[in-house]
Amino acid sequence: MIASITVSSSSSPFGSLQAKDFIRELLVKETENRLGQRKVLQRLNDINSLKD
């Protein structure tokens, strides 16, 4: 599956490039390389789940 994402920003084209890069990182097929699978984010999620 190929995702096509259009992000527009009237203030800065750089902002839309950053948004596209961020979304691309979230959609990586290899789960170990996916942005949400990074150790730092896992630890933050663990800490936040303890607060609930």
PDB file of N, CA and C in Angstrom:
ATOM      1  N   MET A   1       0.839  -1.177   0.000  1.00  0.00           N
ATOM      2  CA  MET A   1       0.000   0.000   0.000  1.00  0.00           C
ATOM      3  C   MET A   1       0.886   1.243   0.000  1.00  0.00           C
ATOM      4  N   ILE A   2       0.594   2.165  -0.846  1.00  0.00           N
ATOM      5  CA  ILE A   2       1.337   3.421  -0.919  1.00  0.00           C
ATOM      6  C   ILE A   2       0.428   4.537  -0.440  1.00  0.00           C
ATOM      7  N   ALA A   3       0.928   5.291   0.510  1.00  0.00           N
ATOM      8  CA  ALA A   3       0.146   6.408   1.042  1.00  0.00           C
ATOM      9  C   ALA A   3       0.552   7.685   0.332  1.00  0.00           C
ATOM     10  N   SER A   4      -0.412   8.440  -0.066  1.00  0.00           N
ATOM     11  CA  SER A   4      -0.153   9.735  -0.673  1.00  0.00           C
ATOM     12  C   SER A   4      -0.691  10.799   0.265  1.00  0.00           C
ATOM     13  N   ILE A   5       0.200  11.688   0.681  1.00  0.00           N
ATOM     14  CA  ILE A   5      -0.183  12.704   1.655  1.00  0.00           C
ATOM     15  C   ILE A   5       0.141  14.075   1.100  1.00  0.00           C
ATOM     16  N   THR A   6      -0.821  14.958   1.153  1.00  0.00           N
ATOM     17  CA  THR A   6      -0.609  16.333   0.732  1.00  0.00           C
ATOM     18  C   THR A   6      -0.707  17.226   1.951  1.00  0.00           C
ATOM     19  N   VAL A   7       0.372  17.929   2.212  1.00  0.00           N
ATOM     20  CA  VAL A   7       0.404  18.847   3.342  1.00  0.00           C
ATOM     21  C   VAL A   7       0.705  20.224   2.792  1.00  0.00           C
ATOM     22  N   SER A   8      -0.120  21.188   3.131  1.00  0.00           N
ATOM     23  CA  SER A   8       0.141  22.537   2.644  1.00  0.00           C
ATOM     24  C   SER A   8       0.306  23.481   3.816  1.00  0.00           C
ATOM     25  N   SER A   9       1.166  24.433   3.610  1.00  0.00           N
ATOM     26  CA  SER A   9       1.411  25.431   4.647  1.00  0.00           C
ATOM     27  C   SER A   9       1.589  26.765   3.961  1.00  0.00           C
ATOM     28  N   SER A  10       0.745  27.700   4.292  1.00  0.00           N
ATOM     29  CA  SER A  10       0.853  29.006   3.650  1.00  0.00           C
ATOM     30  C   SER A  10       2.017  29.810   4.207  1.00  0.00           C
ATOM     31  N   SER A  11       2.457  29.491   5.425  1.00  0.00           N
ATOM     32  CA  SER A  11       3.514  30.291   6.043  1.00  0.00           C
ATOM     33  C   SER A  11       4.907  29.868   5.601  1.00  0.00           C
ATOM     34  N   SER A  12       5.127  28.579   5.377  1.00  0.00           N
ATOM     35  CA  SER A  12       6.473  28.128   5.064  1.00  0.00           C
ATOM     36  C   SER A  12       6.456  26.791   4.334  1.00  0.00           C
ATOM     37  N   PRO A  13       7.086  26.720   3.171  1.00  0.00           N
ATOM     38  CA  PRO A  13       7.184  25.426   2.488  1.00  0.00           C
ATOM     39  C   PRO A  13       8.060  24.456   3.273  1.00  0.00           C
ATOM     40  N   PHE A  14       8.999  24.983   4.076  1.00  0.00           N
ATOM     41  CA  PHE A  14       9.860  24.131   4.889  1.00  0.00           C
ATOM     42  C   PHE A  14       9.030  23.379   5.916  1.00  0.00           C
ATOM     43  N   GLY A  15       8.026  24.026   6.464  1.00  0.00           N
ATOM     44  CA  GLY A  15       7.144  23.377   7.431  1.00  0.00           C
ATOM     45  C   GLY A  15       6.436  22.180   6.823  1.00  0.00           C
ATOM     46  N   SER A  16       5.991  22.301   5.589  1.00  0.00           N
ATOM     47  CA  SER A  16       5.305  21.181   4.964  1.00  0.00           C
ATOM     48  C   SER A  16       6.285  20.056   4.660  1.00  0.00           C
ATOM     49  N   LEU A  17       7.527  20.369   4.344  1.00  0.00           N
ATOM     50  CA  LEU A  17       8.532  19.327   4.131  1.00  0.00           C
ATOM     51  C   LEU A  17       8.805  18.581   5.433  1.00  0.00           C
ATOM     52  N   GLN A  18       8.862  19.310   6.526  1.00  0.00           N
ATOM     53  CA  GLN A  18       9.058  18.670   7.829  1.00  0.00           C
ATOM     54  C   GLN A  18       7.882  17.757   8.154  1.00  0.00           C
ATOM     55  N   ALA A  19       6.678  18.202   7.862  1.00  0.00           N
ATOM     56  CA  ALA A  19       5.489  17.397   8.130  1.00  0.00           C
ATOM     57  C   ALA A  19       5.506  16.126   7.291  1.00  0.00           C
ATOM     58  N   LYS A  20       5.878  16.229   6.029  1.00  0.00           N
ATOM     59  CA  LYS A  20       5.952  15.052   5.162  1.00  0.00           C
ATOM     60  C   LYS A  20       7.001  14.073   5.672  1.00  0.00           C
ATOM     61  N   ASP A  21       8.155  14.577   6.089  1.00  0.00           N
ATOM     62  CA  ASP A  21       9.200  13.705   6.627  1.00  0.00           C
ATOM     63  C   ASP A  21       8.724  13.004   7.892  1.00  0.00           C
ATOM     64  N   PHE A  22       8.043  13.735   8.760  1.00  0.00           N
ATOM     65  CA  PHE A  22       7.525  13.163   9.999  1.00  0.00           C
ATOM     66  C   PHE A  22       6.530  12.047   9.705  1.00  0.00           C
ATOM     67  N   ILE A  23       5.611  12.297   8.798  1.00  0.00           N
ATOM     68  CA  ILE A  23       4.601  11.302   8.448  1.00  0.00           C
ATOM     69  C   ILE A  23       5.249  10.097   7.781  1.00  0.00           C
ATOM     70  N   ARG A  24       6.234  10.336   6.934  1.00  0.00           N
ATOM     71  CA  ARG A  24       6.949   9.236   6.283  1.00  0.00           C
ATOM     72  C   ARG A  24       7.613   8.345   7.339  1.00  0.00           C
ATOM     73  N   GLU A  25       8.202   8.946   8.372  1.00  0.00           N
ATOM     74  CA  GLU A  25       8.818   8.180   9.464  1.00  0.00           C
ATOM     75  C   GLU A  25       7.777   7.340  10.203  1.00  0.00           C
ATOM     76  N   LEU A  26       6.575   7.865  10.356  1.00  0.00           N
ATOM     77  CA  LEU A  26       5.523   7.121  11.043  1.00  0.00           C
ATOM     78  C   LEU A  26       5.031   5.932  10.224  1.00  0.00           C
ATOM     79  N   LEU A  27       5.137   6.027   8.907  1.00  0.00           N
ATOM     80  CA  LEU A  27       4.575   5.010   8.024  1.00  0.00           C
ATOM     81  C   LEU A  27       5.590   3.984   7.530  1.00  0.00           C
ATOM     82  N   VAL A  28       6.789   3.975   8.061  1.00  0.00           N
ATOM     83  CA  VAL A  28       7.818   3.027   7.631  1.00  0.00           C
ATOM     84  C   VAL A  28       7.307   1.607   7.845  1.00  0.00           C
ATOM     85  N   LYS A  29       7.501   0.746   6.841  1.00  0.00           N
ATOM     86  CA  LYS A  29       6.977  -0.613   6.921  1.00  0.00           C
ATOM     87  C   LYS A  29       7.722  -1.475   7.930  1.00  0.00           C
ATOM     88  N   GLU A  30       9.036  -1.313   8.043  1.00  0.00           N
ATOM     89  CA  GLU A  30       9.811  -2.116   8.984  1.00  0.00           C
ATOM     90  C   GLU A  30       9.568  -1.574  10.389  1.00  0.00           C
ATOM     91  N   THR A  31       8.915  -2.350  11.230  1.00  0.00           N
ATOM     92  CA  THR A  31       8.498  -1.843  12.539  1.00  0.00           C
ATOM     93  C   THR A  31       9.659  -1.395  13.408  1.00  0.00           C
ATOM     94  N   GLU A  32      10.815  -2.023  13.278  1.00  0.00           N
ATOM     95  CA  GLU A  32      11.947  -1.605  14.109  1.00  0.00           C
ATOM     96  C   GLU A  32      12.491  -0.246  13.693  1.00  0.00           C
ATOM     97  N   ASN A  33      12.194   0.204  12.475  1.00  0.00           N
ATOM     98  CA  ASN A  33      12.651   1.506  11.988  1.00  0.00           C
ATOM     99  C   ASN A  33      11.575   2.579  12.069  1.00  0.00           C
ATOM    100  N   ARG A  34      10.383   2.201  12.489  1.00  0.00           N
ATOM    101  CA  ARG A  34       9.270   3.143  12.558  1.00  0.00           C
ATOM    102  C   ARG A  34       9.491   4.131  13.698  1.00  0.00           C
ATOM    103  N   LEU A  35       9.131   5.378  13.495  1.00  0.00           N
ATOM    104  CA  LEU A  35       9.367   6.436  14.477  1.00  0.00           C
ATOM    105  C   LEU A  35       8.823   6.079  15.857  1.00  0.00           C
ATOM    106  N   GLY A  36       7.632   5.545  15.927  1.00  0.00           N
ATOM    107  CA  GLY A  36       7.023   5.215  17.213  1.00  0.00           C
ATOM    108  C   GLY A  36       7.655   4.035  17.918  1.00  0.00           C
ATOM    109  N   GLN A  37       8.545   3.319  17.244  1.00  0.00           N
ATOM    110  CA  GLN A  37       9.177   2.148  17.832  1.00  0.00           C
ATOM    111  C   GLN A  37      10.539   2.453  18.441  1.00  0.00           C
ATOM    112  N   ARG A  38      10.954   3.681  18.389  1.00  0.00           N
ATOM    113  CA  ARG A  38      12.265   4.031  18.941  1.00  0.00           C
ATOM    114  C   ARG A  38      12.244   3.915  20.453  1.00  0.00           C
ATOM    115  N   LYS A  39      13.379   3.514  21.027  1.00  0.00           N
ATOM    116  CA  LYS A  39      13.476   3.244  22.470  1.00  0.00           C
ATOM    117  C   LYS A  39      13.059   4.441  23.319  1.00  0.00           C
ATOM    118  N   VAL A  40      13.465   5.633  22.924  1.00  0.00           N
ATOM    119  CA  VAL A  40      13.126   6.825  23.708  1.00  0.00           C
ATOM    120  C   VAL A  40      11.615   6.989  23.781  1.00  0.00           C
ATOM    121  N   LEU A  41      10.937   6.826  22.651  1.00  0.00           N
ATOM    122  CA  LEU A  41       9.485   6.983  22.633  1.00  0.00           C
ATOM    123  C   LEU A  41       8.799   5.860  23.397  1.00  0.00           C
ATOM    124  N   GLN A  42       9.359   4.642  23.346  1.00  0.00           N
ATOM    125  CA  GLN A  42       8.784   3.542  24.110  1.00  0.00           C
ATOM    126  C   GLN A  42       8.859   3.834  25.599  1.00  0.00           C
ATOM    127  N   ARG A  43       9.989   4.373  26.044  1.00  0.00           N
ATOM    128  CA  ARG A  43      10.137   4.707  27.463  1.00  0.00           C
ATOM    129  C   ARG A  43       9.148   5.794  27.877  1.00  0.00           C
ATOM    130  N   LEU A  44       8.968   6.801  27.013  1.00  0.00           N
ATOM    131  CA  LEU A  44       7.993   7.852  27.318  1.00  0.00           C
ATOM    132  C   LEU A  44       6.587   7.277  27.409  1.00  0.00           C
ATOM    133  N   ASN A  45       6.258   6.365  26.504  1.00  0.00           N
ATOM    134  CA  ASN A  45       4.942   5.727  26.545  1.00  0.00           C
ATOM    135  C   ASN A  45       4.776   4.916  27.821  1.00  0.00           C
ATOM    136  N   ASP A  46       5.835   4.211  28.240  1.00  0.00           N
ATOM    137  CA  ASP A  46       5.776   3.435  29.480  1.00  0.00           C
ATOM    138  C   ASP A  46       5.544   4.350  30.678  1.00  0.00           C
ATOM    139  N   ILE A  47       6.260   5.456  30.725  1.00  0.00           N
ATOM    140  CA  ILE A  47       6.118   6.408  31.831  1.00  0.00           C
ATOM    141  C   ILE A  47       4.708   6.991  31.850  1.00  0.00           C
ATOM    142  N   ASN A  48       4.206   7.365  30.672  1.00  0.00           N
ATOM    143  CA  ASN A  48       2.857   7.939  30.593  1.00  0.00           C
ATOM    144  C   ASN A  48       1.789   6.927  30.979  1.00  0.00           C
ATOM    145  N   SER A  49       1.988   5.658  30.662  1.00  0.00           N
ATOM    146  CA  SER A  49       0.990   4.648  31.018  1.00  0.00           C
ATOM    147  C   SER A  49       0.958   4.417  32.527  1.00  0.00           C
ATOM    148  N   LEU A  50       2.081   4.645  33.204  1.00  0.00           N
ATOM    149  CA  LEU A  50       2.110   4.501  34.659  1.00  0.00           C
ATOM    150  C   LEU A  50       1.315   5.606  35.347  1.00  0.00           C
ATOM    151  N   LYS A  51       1.232   6.774  34.710  1.00  0.00           N
ATOM    152  CA  LYS A  51       0.507   7.905  35.286  1.00  0.00           C
ATOM    153  C   LYS A  51      -0.993   7.687  35.269  1.00  0.00           C
ATOM    154  N   ASP A  52      -1.477   6.876  34.314  1.00  0.00           N
ATOM    155  CA  ASP A  52      -2.928   6.651  34.173  1.00  0.00           C
ATOM    156  C   ASP A  52      -3.422   5.737  35.195  1.00  0.00           C
TER     157      ASP A  52
END
